[in-house]
């Protein structure tokens, strides 16, 4: 085996400086072309996530089109570097809220965590749409939305809700925290308003606009 290797090595033509230079050039050129291709493919994706000039400003309001939200669906938007959830609650979900008040820490939302207009039974401006800052009030993790009966594995008799897997905190579909969990408070309701039936602005109320 060693003889074969030596013969093959000796029979190979010697490569001079010109060959090394050419090799380096081809390597660099290939890398540049590949990088340009990746960048070109990534631009449309990145651009689709770029916020508007208004949203880039510190503390700016964020306008959200809610026309495409299906019943029971949750969408996420970013506001002041925080995730904000918008859920279109079904009549069944709204009815569920009445069934477990005795198991909640703050069922009447007495803590000041929502604008005045949302200090009501549903913690919302309109019953159908729930708007929450998607950050657990315990240590800042982001809870998971469990629906269509999945939440019953966490809280018996409650089909829908939010569960924080970090430390086990549980919230209902108004963002109200259950008893005997680490989170001390309900999920926060941010300031928001409706421009029309299909457009919402997160960050300010009608009184502030």
C-alpha atoms as a PDB file:
ATOM      1  CA  UNK A   1       0.000   0.000   0.000  1.00  0.00           C
ATOM      2  CA  UNK A   2       2.782   2.421   0.864  1.00  0.00           C
ATOM      3  CA  UNK A   3       4.516   1.834  -2.508  1.00  0.00           C
ATOM      4  CA  UNK A   4       1.354   2.661  -4.429  1.00  0.00           C
ATOM      5  CA  UNK A   5       0.889   5.891  -2.484  1.00  0.00           C
ATOM      6  CA  UNK A   6       4.452   6.985  -3.116  1.00  0.00           C
ATOM      7  CA  UNK A   7       4.236   6.279  -6.867  1.00  0.00           C
ATOM      8  CA  UNK A   8       0.972   8.200  -7.172  1.00  0.00           C
ATOM      9  CA  UNK A   9       2.420  11.142  -5.317  1.00  0.00           C
ATOM     10  CA  UNK A  10       5.571  11.144  -7.442  1.00  0.00           C
ATOM     11  CA  UNK A  11       3.645  10.846 -10.712  1.00  0.00           C
ATOM     12  CA  UNK A  12       1.458  13.869  -9.906  1.00  0.00           C
ATOM     13  CA  UNK A  13       2.670  17.022 -11.655  1.00  0.00           C
ATOM     14  CA  UNK A  14       4.146  19.682  -9.438  1.00  0.00           C
ATOM     15  CA  UNK A  15       1.912  22.716  -8.882  1.00  0.00           C
ATOM     16  CA  UNK A  16       3.557  26.063  -9.128  1.00  0.00           C
ATOM     17  CA  UNK A  17       2.599  29.416  -7.577  1.00  0.00           C
ATOM     18  CA  UNK A  18       0.314  30.152 -10.496  1.00  0.00           C
ATOM     19  CA  UNK A  19      -1.874  27.148  -9.725  1.00  0.00           C
ATOM     20  CA  UNK A  20      -2.246  28.176  -6.068  1.00  0.00           C
ATOM     21  CA  UNK A  21      -3.213  31.697  -7.066  1.00  0.00           C
ATOM     22  CA  UNK A  22      -5.801  30.406  -9.500  1.00  0.00           C
ATOM     23  CA  UNK A  23      -7.219  28.043  -6.884  1.00  0.00           C
ATOM     24  CA  UNK A  24      -7.596  30.847  -4.354  1.00  0.00           C
ATOM     25  CA  UNK A  25      -9.301  33.034  -6.947  1.00  0.00           C
ATOM     26  CA  UNK A  26     -11.838  30.328  -7.832  1.00  0.00           C
ATOM     27  CA  UNK A  27     -12.552  29.640  -4.147  1.00  0.00           C
ATOM     28  CA  UNK A  28     -13.177  33.289  -3.382  1.00  0.00           C
ATOM     29  CA  UNK A  29     -15.280  33.799  -6.497  1.00  0.00           C
ATOM     30  CA  UNK A  30     -17.453  30.789  -5.682  1.00  0.00           C
ATOM     31  CA  UNK A  31     -17.970  32.002  -2.110  1.00  0.00           C
ATOM     32  CA  UNK A  32     -18.966  35.475  -3.274  1.00  0.00           C
ATOM     33  CA  UNK A  33     -21.469  34.152  -5.793  1.00  0.00           C
ATOM     34  CA  UNK A  34     -22.969  31.850  -3.165  1.00  0.00           C
ATOM     35  CA  UNK A  35     -23.259  34.645  -0.637  1.00  0.00           C
ATOM     36  CA  UNK A  36     -24.938  36.924  -3.168  1.00  0.00           C
ATOM     37  CA  UNK A  37     -27.431  34.186  -4.006  1.00  0.00           C
ATOM     38  CA  UNK A  38     -28.327  33.613  -0.359  1.00  0.00           C
ATOM     39  CA  UNK A  39     -28.631  37.337   0.273  1.00  0.00           C
ATOM     40  CA  UNK A  40     -30.843  37.750  -2.765  1.00  0.00           C
ATOM     41  CA  UNK A  41     -33.155  34.994  -1.609  1.00  0.00           C
ATOM     42  CA  UNK A  42     -33.282  36.351   1.926  1.00  0.00           C
ATOM     43  CA  UNK A  43     -34.136  39.947   1.058  1.00  0.00           C
ATOM     44  CA  UNK A  44     -37.852  39.382   0.318  1.00  0.00           C
ATOM     45  CA  UNK A  45     -38.255  37.356   3.527  1.00  0.00           C
ATOM     46  CA  UNK A  46     -36.465  39.924   5.685  1.00  0.00           C
ATOM     47  CA  UNK A  47     -38.300  42.801   4.035  1.00  0.00           C
ATOM     48  CA  UNK A  48     -41.601  41.163   4.831  1.00  0.00           C
ATOM     49  CA  UNK A  49     -40.742  41.362   8.526  1.00  0.00           C
ATOM     50  CA  UNK A  50     -39.447  44.918   8.523  1.00  0.00           C
ATOM     51  CA  UNK A  51     -41.714  47.204  10.576  1.00  0.00           C
ATOM     52  CA  UNK A  52     -43.055  50.406   9.126  1.00  0.00           C
ATOM     53  CA  UNK A  53     -41.224  53.663   9.776  1.00  0.00           C
ATOM     54  CA  UNK A  54     -43.881  54.464  12.365  1.00  0.00           C
ATOM     55  CA  UNK A  55     -43.393  51.177  14.198  1.00  0.00           C
ATOM     56  CA  UNK A  56     -39.634  51.688  14.286  1.00  0.00           C
ATOM     57  CA  UNK A  57     -40.018  54.785  16.424  1.00  0.00           C
ATOM     58  CA  UNK A  58     -39.626  54.200  20.144  1.00  0.00           C
ATOM     59  CA  UNK A  59     -42.962  53.388  21.703  1.00  0.00           C
ATOM     60  CA  UNK A  60     -44.841  53.899  18.448  1.00  0.00           C
ATOM     61  CA  UNK A  61     -48.334  52.491  17.985  1.00  0.00           C
ATOM     62  CA  UNK A  62     -48.729  49.396  15.827  1.00  0.00           C
ATOM     63  CA  UNK A  63     -51.628  49.073  13.386  1.00  0.00           C
ATOM     64  CA  UNK A  64     -53.047  45.562  12.952  1.00  0.00           C
ATOM     65  CA  UNK A  65     -55.443  44.201  10.347  1.00  0.00           C
ATOM     66  CA  UNK A  66     -57.715  41.751  12.194  1.00  0.00           C
ATOM     67  CA  UNK A  67     -59.999  40.952   9.268  1.00  0.00           C
ATOM     68  CA  UNK A  68     -58.334  37.582   8.632  1.00  0.00           C
ATOM     69  CA  UNK A  69     -58.464  36.210  12.174  1.00  0.00           C
ATOM     70  CA  UNK A  70     -60.615  33.081  12.274  1.00  0.00           C
ATOM     71  CA  UNK A  71     -62.855  32.264  15.279  1.00  0.00           C
ATOM     72  CA  UNK A  72     -60.699  30.682  17.968  1.00  0.00           C
ATOM     73  CA  UNK A  73     -57.466  31.802  16.314  1.00  0.00           C
ATOM     74  CA  UNK A  74     -54.630  33.712  17.994  1.00  0.00           C
ATOM     75  CA  UNK A  75     -52.238  36.008  16.140  1.00  0.00           C
ATOM     76  CA  UNK A  76     -49.073  37.626  17.485  1.00  0.00           C
ATOM     77  CA  UNK A  77     -47.696  41.097  16.814  1.00  0.00           C
ATOM     78  CA  UNK A  78     -44.754  42.959  18.321  1.00  0.00           C
ATOM     79  CA  UNK A  79     -45.225  46.207  20.238  1.00  0.00           C
ATOM     80  CA  UNK A  80     -42.399  47.896  22.168  1.00  0.00           C
ATOM     81  CA  UNK A  81     -40.385  44.681  21.762  1.00  0.00           C
ATOM     82  CA  UNK A  82     -43.136  42.705  23.480  1.00  0.00           C
ATOM     83  CA  UNK A  83     -45.349  39.998  21.985  1.00  0.00           C
ATOM     84  CA  UNK A  84     -49.004  40.991  21.921  1.00  0.00           C
ATOM     85  CA  UNK A  85     -51.695  38.380  21.395  1.00  0.00           C
ATOM     86  CA  UNK A  86     -54.983  39.042  19.651  1.00  0.00           C
ATOM     87  CA  UNK A  87     -57.523  36.228  20.003  1.00  0.00           C
ATOM     88  CA  UNK A  88     -60.892  36.066  18.318  1.00  0.00           C
ATOM     89  CA  UNK A  89     -62.998  34.342  20.945  1.00  0.00           C
ATOM     90  CA  UNK A  90     -65.964  32.216  19.984  1.00  0.00           C
ATOM     91  CA  UNK A  91     -69.309  32.363  21.828  1.00  0.00           C
ATOM     92  CA  UNK A  92     -68.371  29.050  23.433  1.00  0.00           C
ATOM     93  CA  UNK A  93     -65.094  30.483  24.764  1.00  0.00           C
ATOM     94  CA  UNK A  94     -66.907  33.525  26.156  1.00  0.00           C
ATOM     95  CA  UNK A  95     -69.386  31.251  27.891  1.00  0.00           C
ATOM     96  CA  UNK A  96     -66.531  29.252  29.449  1.00  0.00           C
ATOM     97  CA  UNK A  97     -65.353  32.356  31.329  1.00  0.00           C
ATOM     98  CA  UNK A  98     -68.347  32.135  33.650  1.00  0.00           C
ATOM     99  CA  UNK A  99     -67.654  28.595  34.760  1.00  0.00           C
ATOM    100  CA  UNK A 100     -64.450  28.858  36.787  1.00  0.00           C
ATOM    101  CA  UNK A 101     -64.371  32.244  38.532  1.00  0.00           C
ATOM    102  CA  UNK A 102     -64.019  30.595  41.945  1.00  0.00           C
ATOM    103  CA  UNK A 103     -60.667  29.174  40.842  1.00  0.00           C
ATOM    104  CA  UNK A 104     -59.122  32.537  39.885  1.00  0.00           C
ATOM    105  CA  UNK A 105     -56.919  34.891  41.913  1.00  0.00           C
ATOM    106  CA  UNK A 106     -58.387  38.096  40.483  1.00  0.00           C
ATOM    107  CA  UNK A 107     -61.612  37.233  38.617  1.00  0.00           C
ATOM    108  CA  UNK A 108     -62.904  40.820  38.576  1.00  0.00           C
ATOM    109  CA  UNK A 109     -59.607  42.329  37.365  1.00  0.00           C
ATOM    110  CA  UNK A 110     -59.261  44.563  40.394  1.00  0.00           C
ATOM    111  CA  UNK A 111     -55.503  44.958  39.882  1.00  0.00           C
ATOM    112  CA  UNK A 112     -54.697  47.872  37.572  1.00  0.00           C
ATOM    113  CA  UNK A 113     -53.473  45.878  34.574  1.00  0.00           C
ATOM    114  CA  UNK A 114     -55.770  47.116  31.863  1.00  0.00           C
ATOM    115  CA  UNK A 115     -57.101  50.378  30.441  1.00  0.00           C
ATOM    116  CA  UNK A 116     -60.319  51.586  32.048  1.00  0.00           C
ATOM    117  CA  UNK A 117     -62.386  50.394  29.083  1.00  0.00           C
ATOM    118  CA  UNK A 118     -61.151  46.818  29.610  1.00  0.00           C
ATOM    119  CA  UNK A 119     -61.859  46.594  33.313  1.00  0.00           C
ATOM    120  CA  UNK A 120     -64.868  44.407  32.723  1.00  0.00           C
ATOM    121  CA  UNK A 121     -65.895  40.784  32.725  1.00  0.00           C
ATOM    122  CA  UNK A 122     -64.150  40.001  29.414  1.00  0.00           C
ATOM    123  CA  UNK A 123     -61.153  42.328  29.939  1.00  0.00           C
ATOM    124  CA  UNK A 124     -61.625  43.742  26.455  1.00  0.00           C
ATOM    125  CA  UNK A 125     -63.049  46.607  24.455  1.00  0.00           C
ATOM    126  CA  UNK A 126     -65.135  44.185  22.398  1.00  0.00           C
ATOM    127  CA  UNK A 127     -66.156  40.830  23.831  1.00  0.00           C
ATOM    128  CA  UNK A 128     -65.087  38.918  20.742  1.00  0.00           C
ATOM    129  CA  UNK A 129     -61.465  40.100  20.657  1.00  0.00           C
ATOM    130  CA  UNK A 130     -59.024  39.552  23.505  1.00  0.00           C
ATOM    131  CA  UNK A 131     -55.787  41.578  23.466  1.00  0.00           C
ATOM    132  CA  UNK A 132     -52.989  40.662  25.877  1.00  0.00           C
ATOM    133  CA  UNK A 133     -49.280  41.143  26.365  1.00  0.00           C
ATOM    134  CA  UNK A 134     -48.072  37.573  25.928  1.00  0.00           C
ATOM    135  CA  UNK A 135     -45.660  37.577  28.867  1.00  0.00           C
ATOM    136  CA  UNK A 136     -46.226  35.621  32.071  1.00  0.00           C
ATOM    137  CA  UNK A 137     -46.479  37.854  35.139  1.00  0.00           C
ATOM    138  CA  UNK A 138     -44.227  35.506  37.092  1.00  0.00           C
ATOM    139  CA  UNK A 139     -40.758  35.641  35.498  1.00  0.00           C
ATOM    140  CA  UNK A 140     -41.424  36.878  31.975  1.00  0.00           C
ATOM    141  CA  UNK A 141     -41.770  33.637  30.011  1.00  0.00           C
ATOM    142  CA  UNK A 142     -44.246  33.392  27.145  1.00  0.00           C
ATOM    143  CA  UNK A 143     -47.215  31.058  27.821  1.00  0.00           C
ATOM    144  CA  UNK A 144     -48.616  28.633  25.260  1.00  0.00           C
ATOM    145  CA  UNK A 145     -52.138  28.897  23.852  1.00  0.00           C
ATOM    146  CA  UNK A 146     -53.958  25.596  24.392  1.00  0.00           C
ATOM    147  CA  UNK A 147     -57.380  25.202  22.785  1.00  0.00           C
ATOM    148  CA  UNK A 148     -60.058  22.768  21.635  1.00  0.00           C
ATOM    149  CA  UNK A 149     -59.925  20.807  24.852  1.00  0.00           C
ATOM    150  CA  UNK A 150     -56.134  20.699  25.223  1.00  0.00           C
ATOM    151  CA  UNK A 151     -56.207  23.002  28.254  1.00  0.00           C
ATOM    152  CA  UNK A 152     -58.372  20.488  30.121  1.00  0.00           C
ATOM    153  CA  UNK A 153     -55.243  18.406  30.619  1.00  0.00           C
ATOM    154  CA  UNK A 154     -53.978  21.323  32.718  1.00  0.00           C
ATOM    155  CA  UNK A 155     -57.208  22.548  34.338  1.00  0.00           C
ATOM    156  CA  UNK A 156     -60.105  20.120  34.525  1.00  0.00           C
ATOM    157  CA  UNK A 157     -63.299  21.377  32.924  1.00  0.00           C
ATOM    158  CA  UNK A 158     -61.666  24.331  31.126  1.00  0.00           C
ATOM    159  CA  UNK A 159     -61.111  23.565  27.406  1.00  0.00           C
ATOM    160  CA  UNK A 160     -59.147  26.699  26.432  1.00  0.00           C
ATOM    161  CA  UNK A 161     -56.485  28.791  28.111  1.00  0.00           C
ATOM    162  CA  UNK A 162     -52.837  29.772  28.378  1.00  0.00           C
ATOM    163  CA  UNK A 163     -50.196  27.644  30.087  1.00  0.00           C
ATOM    164  CA  UNK A 164     -46.672  28.752  30.987  1.00  0.00           C
ATOM    165  CA  UNK A 165     -44.454  25.641  30.784  1.00  0.00           C
ATOM    166  CA  UNK A 166     -41.566  27.358  32.597  1.00  0.00           C
ATOM    167  CA  UNK A 167     -43.127  27.241  36.071  1.00  0.00           C
ATOM    168  CA  UNK A 168     -46.689  26.033  35.542  1.00  0.00           C
ATOM    169  CA  UNK A 169     -48.743  29.226  35.675  1.00  0.00           C
ATOM    170  CA  UNK A 170     -52.216  29.011  34.124  1.00  0.00           C
ATOM    171  CA  UNK A 171     -54.512  31.687  32.685  1.00  0.00           C
ATOM    172  CA  UNK A 172     -58.023  31.582  31.232  1.00  0.00           C
ATOM    173  CA  UNK A 173     -59.237  33.081  27.961  1.00  0.00           C
ATOM    174  CA  UNK A 174     -59.518  36.516  29.532  1.00  0.00           C
ATOM    175  CA  UNK A 175     -55.913  36.294  30.698  1.00  0.00           C
ATOM    176  CA  UNK A 176     -56.990  35.819  34.323  1.00  0.00           C
ATOM    177  CA  UNK A 177     -54.602  33.801  36.464  1.00  0.00           C
ATOM    178  CA  UNK A 178     -55.687  30.677  38.305  1.00  0.00           C
ATOM    179  CA  UNK A 179     -55.035  30.124  41.982  1.00  0.00           C
ATOM    180  CA  UNK A 180     -52.126  28.058  43.340  1.00  0.00           C
ATOM    181  CA  UNK A 181     -49.653  28.978  40.583  1.00  0.00           C
ATOM    182  CA  UNK A 182     -46.477  31.115  40.725  1.00  0.00           C
ATOM    183  CA  UNK A 183     -47.817  34.026  38.636  1.00  0.00           C
ATOM    184  CA  UNK A 184     -49.214  36.661  41.011  1.00  0.00           C
ATOM    185  CA  UNK A 185     -51.257  38.677  38.512  1.00  0.00           C
ATOM    186  CA  UNK A 186     -53.426  38.397  35.432  1.00  0.00           C
ATOM    187  CA  UNK A 187     -51.819  38.815  32.024  1.00  0.00           C
ATOM    188  CA  UNK A 188     -51.499  42.492  31.120  1.00  0.00           C
ATOM    189  CA  UNK A 189     -53.937  44.155  28.731  1.00  0.00           C
ATOM    190  CA  UNK A 190     -52.111  46.817  26.679  1.00  0.00           C
ATOM    191  CA  UNK A 191     -53.706  50.091  25.578  1.00  0.00           C
ATOM    192  CA  UNK A 192     -55.440  49.724  22.215  1.00  0.00           C
ATOM    193  CA  UNK A 193     -58.286  51.062  20.109  1.00  0.00           C
ATOM    194  CA  UNK A 194     -60.275  50.269  16.975  1.00  0.00           C
ATOM    195  CA  UNK A 195     -59.970  52.386  13.852  1.00  0.00           C
ATOM    196  CA  UNK A 196     -62.828  50.472  12.244  1.00  0.00           C
ATOM    197  CA  UNK A 197     -64.283  46.953  12.334  1.00  0.00           C
ATOM    198  CA  UNK A 198     -61.175  45.387  10.795  1.00  0.00           C
ATOM    199  CA  UNK A 199     -58.309  47.573  12.039  1.00  0.00           C
ATOM    200  CA  UNK A 200     -56.857  47.839  15.527  1.00  0.00           C
ATOM    201  CA  UNK A 201     -54.120  50.083  16.908  1.00  0.00           C
ATOM    202  CA  UNK A 202     -51.967  48.742  19.740  1.00  0.00           C
ATOM    203  CA  UNK A 203     -50.309  51.339  21.952  1.00  0.00           C
ATOM    204  CA  UNK A 204     -52.899  54.029  22.599  1.00  0.00           C
ATOM    205  CA  UNK A 205     -56.547  54.399  23.492  1.00  0.00           C
ATOM    206  CA  UNK A 206     -59.147  56.525  21.744  1.00  0.00           C
ATOM    207  CA  UNK A 207     -58.886  59.091  24.529  1.00  0.00           C
ATOM    208  CA  UNK A 208     -55.131  59.437  23.943  1.00  0.00           C
ATOM    209  CA  UNK A 209     -55.286  59.659  20.142  1.00  0.00           C
END
